[in-house]
Amino acid sequence: MRMTRKFAVAVATTVLFTGVVGAGAAQASPAAAGGSAPSACRPANHLAKITEGPASSGHSHYRVTLTAPRGYESCKLAGSPTDVRFSNHGSDVGITPGRYGDQTTVVTFGPGHPVHFDIQVPNNAHGIAAQEASFTLRAPDGEIPGTSFADGKLTVAAGTLIGPVERGES
């Protein structure tokens, strides 16, 4: 079922971007003017993976790393992703995270320029297992239409926070 949902999202995103982008939605900002390749910021054009990060005092951390294959145009991202949802075997686990950190720093994302964001989970709450996160990326001027998905084992709880997108290592 998960592959069917991802396929449907990819098709819907493709259809959305072949038409007119609705008012109030940001288009992925290209890093270089005049590019003709599709934007790496579009959900169908990047990969996302969740891995366990180093724990801090009172928190567990997970890193969501986004990479873009060659052939896509770099773009600009800013702030924490929005509309973050966690699921386990296709079922929403019912945790709605907040966000933390500087929401204005702009980073370049594209081939050879991975980015990541942090999922911070308090240790003092009852954790719920999850296998997937869905989210909407943000450009400096608003949300990028479409839903991205990241796979990987994690545990979330009430009080979970999402950090801003940061530059990753090439």
C-alpha atoms as a PDB file:
ATOM      1  CA  MET A   1       0.000   0.000   0.000  1.00  0.00           C
ATOM      2  CA  ARG A   2       2.823   2.425   0.790  1.00  0.00           C
ATOM      3  CA  MET A   3       4.244   2.133  -2.733  1.00  0.00           C
ATOM      4  CA  THR A   4       0.794   2.839  -4.170  1.00  0.00           C
ATOM      5  CA  ARG A   5       0.450   5.985  -2.060  1.00  0.00           C
ATOM      6  CA  LYS A   6       3.934   7.211  -3.039  1.00  0.00           C
ATOM      7  CA  PHE A   7       3.147   6.546  -6.697  1.00  0.00           C
ATOM      8  CA  ALA A   8      -0.123   8.460  -6.397  1.00  0.00           C
ATOM      9  CA  VAL A   9       1.656  11.392  -4.733  1.00  0.00           C
ATOM     10  CA  ALA A  10       4.311  11.398  -7.460  1.00  0.00           C
ATOM     11  CA  VAL A  11       1.659  11.393 -10.188  1.00  0.00           C
ATOM     12  CA  ALA A  12      -0.361  14.112  -8.450  1.00  0.00           C
ATOM     13  CA  THR A  13       2.768  16.226  -8.013  1.00  0.00           C
ATOM     14  CA  THR A  14       3.662  15.812 -11.680  1.00  0.00           C
ATOM     15  CA  VAL A  15       0.155  16.836 -12.728  1.00  0.00           C
ATOM     16  CA  LEU A  16       0.234  19.798 -10.343  1.00  0.00           C
ATOM     17  CA  PHE A  17       3.493  21.104 -11.740  1.00  0.00           C
ATOM     18  CA  THR A  18       2.460  20.736 -15.368  1.00  0.00           C
ATOM     19  CA  GLY A  19      -0.390  23.133 -14.658  1.00  0.00           C
ATOM     20  CA  VAL A  20      -0.472  26.410 -12.801  1.00  0.00           C
ATOM     21  CA  VAL A  21       0.730  26.491  -9.198  1.00  0.00           C
ATOM     22  CA  GLY A  22      -2.040  27.846  -6.963  1.00  0.00           C
ATOM     23  CA  ALA A  23      -1.903  31.178  -5.187  1.00  0.00           C
ATOM     24  CA  GLY A  24      -0.192  31.142  -1.804  1.00  0.00           C
ATOM     25  CA  ALA A  25       2.137  28.285  -2.689  1.00  0.00           C
ATOM     26  CA  ALA A  26       5.820  28.884  -3.204  1.00  0.00           C
ATOM     27  CA  GLN A  27       7.571  27.526  -6.226  1.00  0.00           C
ATOM     28  CA  ALA A  28      10.942  25.915  -5.619  1.00  0.00           C
ATOM     29  CA  SER A  29      13.505  28.663  -6.107  1.00  0.00           C
ATOM     30  CA  PRO A  30      16.251  27.660  -8.548  1.00  0.00           C
ATOM     31  CA  ALA A  31      19.807  28.301  -7.366  1.00  0.00           C
ATOM     32  CA  ALA A  32      20.873  29.491 -10.796  1.00  0.00           C
ATOM     33  CA  ALA A  33      18.665  31.484 -13.164  1.00  0.00           C
ATOM     34  CA  GLY A  34      17.860  30.015 -16.551  1.00  0.00           C
ATOM     35  CA  GLY A  35      17.995  26.332 -15.536  1.00  0.00           C
ATOM     36  CA  SER A  36      15.833  23.967 -17.545  1.00  0.00           C
ATOM     37  CA  ALA A  37      16.033  20.875 -15.329  1.00  0.00           C
ATOM     38  CA  PRO A  38      13.205  20.050 -12.881  1.00  0.00           C
ATOM     39  CA  SER A  39      13.649  21.330  -9.328  1.00  0.00           C
ATOM     40  CA  ALA A  40      15.213  18.991  -6.741  1.00  0.00           C
ATOM     41  CA  CYS A  41      12.760  20.424  -4.173  1.00  0.00           C
ATOM     42  CA  ARG A  42       9.746  18.795  -5.786  1.00  0.00           C
ATOM     43  CA  PRO A  43       8.786  15.695  -3.773  1.00  0.00           C
ATOM     44  CA  ALA A  44       9.111  13.290  -6.706  1.00  0.00           C
ATOM     45  CA  ASN A  45      12.662  14.511  -7.424  1.00  0.00           C
ATOM     46  CA  HIS A  46      14.491  13.718  -4.185  1.00  0.00           C
ATOM     47  CA  LEU A  47      15.112  10.861  -1.772  1.00  0.00           C
ATOM     48  CA  ALA A  48      14.750  11.037   2.021  1.00  0.00           C
ATOM     49  CA  LYS A  49      15.999   8.642   4.690  1.00  0.00           C
ATOM     50  CA  ILE A  50      15.588   8.641   8.487  1.00  0.00           C
ATOM     51  CA  THR A  51      18.547   7.568  10.628  1.00  0.00           C
ATOM     52  CA  GLU A  52      19.153   7.613  14.358  1.00  0.00           C
ATOM     53  CA  GLY A  53      21.252  10.538  15.552  1.00  0.00           C
ATOM     54  CA  PRO A  54      23.273  11.064  18.725  1.00  0.00           C
ATOM     55  CA  ALA A  55      21.125  11.506  21.839  1.00  0.00           C
ATOM     56  CA  SER A  56      21.259  14.684  23.908  1.00  0.00           C
ATOM     57  CA  SER A  57      20.307  15.289  27.506  1.00  0.00           C
ATOM     58  CA  GLY A  58      16.665  14.235  27.781  1.00  0.00           C
ATOM     59  CA  HIS A  59      16.098  13.701  24.052  1.00  0.00           C
ATOM     60  CA  SER A  60      16.487  11.165  21.287  1.00  0.00           C
ATOM     61  CA  HIS A  61      17.338  12.546  17.856  1.00  0.00           C
ATOM     62  CA  TYR A  62      16.689  11.309  14.348  1.00  0.00           C
ATOM     63  CA  ARG A  63      18.101  12.844  11.175  1.00  0.00           C
ATOM     64  CA  VAL A  64      16.119  13.072   7.959  1.00  0.00           C
ATOM     65  CA  THR A  65      18.595  13.397   5.095  1.00  0.00           C
ATOM     66  CA  LEU A  66      17.442  14.545   1.659  1.00  0.00           C
ATOM     67  CA  THR A  67      19.498  13.848  -1.465  1.00  0.00           C
ATOM     68  CA  ALA A  68      18.860  14.657  -5.112  1.00  0.00           C
ATOM     69  CA  PRO A  69      20.165  12.579  -8.015  1.00  0.00           C
ATOM     70  CA  ARG A  70      21.995  14.185 -10.922  1.00  0.00           C
ATOM     71  CA  GLY A  71      19.838  15.841 -13.534  1.00  0.00           C
ATOM     72  CA  TYR A  72      17.819  18.059 -11.188  1.00  0.00           C
ATOM     73  CA  GLU A  73      18.179  21.814 -10.650  1.00  0.00           C
ATOM     74  CA  SER A  74      19.343  23.032  -7.238  1.00  0.00           C
ATOM     75  CA  CYS A  75      16.836  25.054  -5.226  1.00  0.00           C
ATOM     76  CA  LYS A  76      16.576  26.994  -1.964  1.00  0.00           C
ATOM     77  CA  LEU A  77      14.965  25.702   1.250  1.00  0.00           C
ATOM     78  CA  ALA A  78      14.376  27.451   4.579  1.00  0.00           C
ATOM     79  CA  GLY A  79      13.012  26.594   8.020  1.00  0.00           C
ATOM     80  CA  SER A  80      11.472  23.422   9.348  1.00  0.00           C
ATOM     81  CA  PRO A  81       9.236  21.269   7.157  1.00  0.00           C
ATOM     82  CA  THR A  82       5.510  21.622   7.851  1.00  0.00           C
ATOM     83  CA  ASP A  83       2.578  19.189   7.936  1.00  0.00           C
ATOM     84  CA  VAL A  84       4.852  16.511   9.439  1.00  0.00           C
ATOM     85  CA  ARG A  85       3.084  13.218  10.064  1.00  0.00           C
ATOM     86  CA  PHE A  86       4.483   9.923  11.318  1.00  0.00           C
ATOM     87  CA  SER A  87       3.085   6.532  10.387  1.00  0.00           C
ATOM     88  CA  ASN A  88       3.662   2.902  11.298  1.00  0.00           C
ATOM     89  CA  HIS A  89       2.701   0.252   8.721  1.00  0.00           C
ATOM     90  CA  GLY A  90       0.553   2.848   6.931  1.00  0.00           C
ATOM     91  CA  SER A  91      -1.345   4.082  10.008  1.00  0.00           C
ATOM     92  CA  ASP A  92      -0.887   7.600  11.403  1.00  0.00           C
ATOM     93  CA  VAL A  93       0.536   7.386  14.935  1.00  0.00           C
ATOM     94  CA  GLY A  94      -1.258  10.558  16.088  1.00  0.00           C
ATOM     95  CA  ILE A  95       1.752  12.727  16.994  1.00  0.00           C
ATOM     96  CA  THR A  96       1.764  16.295  15.649  1.00  0.00           C
ATOM     97  CA  PRO A  97       5.218  17.803  16.178  1.00  0.00           C
ATOM     98  CA  GLY A  98       6.151  21.414  16.785  1.00  0.00           C
ATOM     99  CA  ARG A  99       9.265  23.084  15.416  1.00  0.00           C
ATOM    100  CA  TYR A 100      12.339  24.748  16.817  1.00  0.00           C
ATOM    101  CA  GLY A 101      15.327  26.789  15.663  1.00  0.00           C
ATOM    102  CA  ASP A 102      15.949  29.551  13.146  1.00  0.00           C
ATOM    103  CA  GLN A 103      13.234  29.428  10.509  1.00  0.00           C
ATOM    104  CA  THR A 104      14.853  32.037   8.234  1.00  0.00           C
ATOM    105  CA  THR A 105      18.232  30.518   7.289  1.00  0.00           C
ATOM    106  CA  VAL A 106      18.294  29.619   3.585  1.00  0.00           C
ATOM    107  CA  VAL A 107      20.180  26.545   2.340  1.00  0.00           C
ATOM    108  CA  THR A 108      20.862  25.263  -1.179  1.00  0.00           C
ATOM    109  CA  PHE A 109      19.623  21.767  -1.979  1.00  0.00           C
ATOM    110  CA  GLY A 110      20.340  19.736  -5.088  1.00  0.00           C
ATOM    111  CA  PRO A 111      22.714  17.195  -6.619  1.00  0.00           C
ATOM    112  CA  GLY A 112      25.920  17.224  -4.552  1.00  0.00           C
ATOM    113  CA  HIS A 113      24.254  19.457  -1.927  1.00  0.00           C
ATOM    114  CA  PRO A 114      22.332  17.197   0.501  1.00  0.00           C
ATOM    115  CA  VAL A 115      20.392  18.713   3.389  1.00  0.00           C
ATOM    116  CA  HIS A 116      18.969  17.335   6.613  1.00  0.00           C
ATOM    117  CA  PHE A 117      16.649  18.221   9.459  1.00  0.00           C
ATOM    118  CA  ASP A 118      16.391  16.948  13.020  1.00  0.00           C
ATOM    119  CA  ILE A 119      13.519  15.176  14.752  1.00  0.00           C
ATOM    120  CA  GLN A 120      13.912  15.758  18.499  1.00  0.00           C
ATOM    121  CA  VAL A 121      11.926  13.409  20.753  1.00  0.00           C
ATOM    122  CA  PRO A 122      11.689  13.841  24.553  1.00  0.00           C
ATOM    123  CA  ASN A 123      12.773  10.767  26.526  1.00  0.00           C
ATOM    124  CA  ASN A 124      10.311  11.401  29.365  1.00  0.00           C
ATOM    125  CA  ALA A 125       7.197  10.535  27.327  1.00  0.00           C
ATOM    126  CA  HIS A 126       5.782   7.211  26.174  1.00  0.00           C
ATOM    127  CA  GLY A 127       7.259   6.580  22.714  1.00  0.00           C
ATOM    128  CA  ILE A 128       5.351   5.293  19.705  1.00  0.00           C
ATOM    129  CA  ALA A 129       7.111   3.335  16.956  1.00  0.00           C
ATOM    130  CA  ALA A 130       6.998   4.739  13.419  1.00  0.00           C
ATOM    131  CA  GLN A 131       8.516   3.712  10.082  1.00  0.00           C
ATOM    132  CA  GLU A 132       7.796   6.727   7.909  1.00  0.00           C
ATOM    133  CA  ALA A 133       7.531  10.503   8.066  1.00  0.00           C
ATOM    134  CA  SER A 134       5.681  12.651   5.543  1.00  0.00           C
ATOM    135  CA  PHE A 135       6.287  16.397   5.325  1.00  0.00           C
ATOM    136  CA  THR A 136       6.064  19.535   3.202  1.00  0.00           C
ATOM    137  CA  LEU A 137       9.290  21.408   2.456  1.00  0.00           C
ATOM    138  CA  ARG A 138       9.516  25.192   2.697  1.00  0.00           C
ATOM    139  CA  ALA A 139      11.217  27.649   0.353  1.00  0.00           C
ATOM    140  CA  PRO A 140      12.210  31.138   1.569  1.00  0.00           C
ATOM    141  CA  ASP A 141       8.873  32.503   0.295  1.00  0.00           C
ATOM    142  CA  GLY A 142       6.487  29.729   1.418  1.00  0.00           C
ATOM    143  CA  GLU A 143       5.663  26.040   1.185  1.00  0.00           C
ATOM    144  CA  ILE A 144       6.650  23.904  -1.786  1.00  0.00           C
ATOM    145  CA  PRO A 145       3.529  22.064  -2.997  1.00  0.00           C
ATOM    146  CA  GLY A 146       3.462  18.308  -2.524  1.00  0.00           C
ATOM    147  CA  THR A 147       4.303  15.802   0.176  1.00  0.00           C
ATOM    148  CA  SER A 148       7.727  14.225   0.648  1.00  0.00           C
ATOM    149  CA  PHE A 149       8.240  10.859   2.370  1.00  0.00           C
ATOM    150  CA  ALA A 150      11.174   9.529   4.402  1.00  0.00           C
ATOM    151  CA  ASP A 151      11.584   5.910   5.510  1.00  0.00           C
ATOM    152  CA  GLY A 152      13.405   4.644   8.581  1.00  0.00           C
ATOM    153  CA  LYS A 153      12.704   3.347  12.076  1.00  0.00           C
ATOM    154  CA  LEU A 154      12.078   5.921  14.784  1.00  0.00           C
ATOM    155  CA  THR A 155      10.143   6.458  17.974  1.00  0.00           C
ATOM    156  CA  VAL A 156       8.070   9.623  18.470  1.00  0.00           C
ATOM    157  CA  ALA A 157       6.184  11.011  21.466  1.00  0.00           C
ATOM    158  CA  ALA A 158       4.183  14.013  22.606  1.00  0.00           C
ATOM    159  CA  GLY A 159       6.509  17.024  22.573  1.00  0.00           C
ATOM    160  CA  THR A 160       8.407  15.941  19.427  1.00  0.00           C
ATOM    161  CA  LEU A 161       9.981  18.902  17.599  1.00  0.00           C
ATOM    162  CA  ILE A 162      11.262  19.355  14.037  1.00  0.00           C
ATOM    163  CA  GLY A 163      14.424  21.388  13.455  1.00  0.00           C
ATOM    164  CA  PRO A 164      15.145  23.603  10.450  1.00  0.00           C
ATOM    165  CA  VAL A 165      16.711  22.280   7.248  1.00  0.00           C
ATOM    166  CA  GLU A 166      20.515  22.534   7.366  1.00  0.00           C
ATOM    167  CA  ARG A 167      23.321  21.871   4.910  1.00  0.00           C
ATOM    168  CA  GLY A 168      24.425  18.262   4.828  1.00  0.00           C
ATOM    169  CA  GLU A 169      27.766  16.721   3.926  1.00  0.00           C
ATOM    170  CA  SER A 170      28.493  15.889   0.277  1.00  0.00           C
END
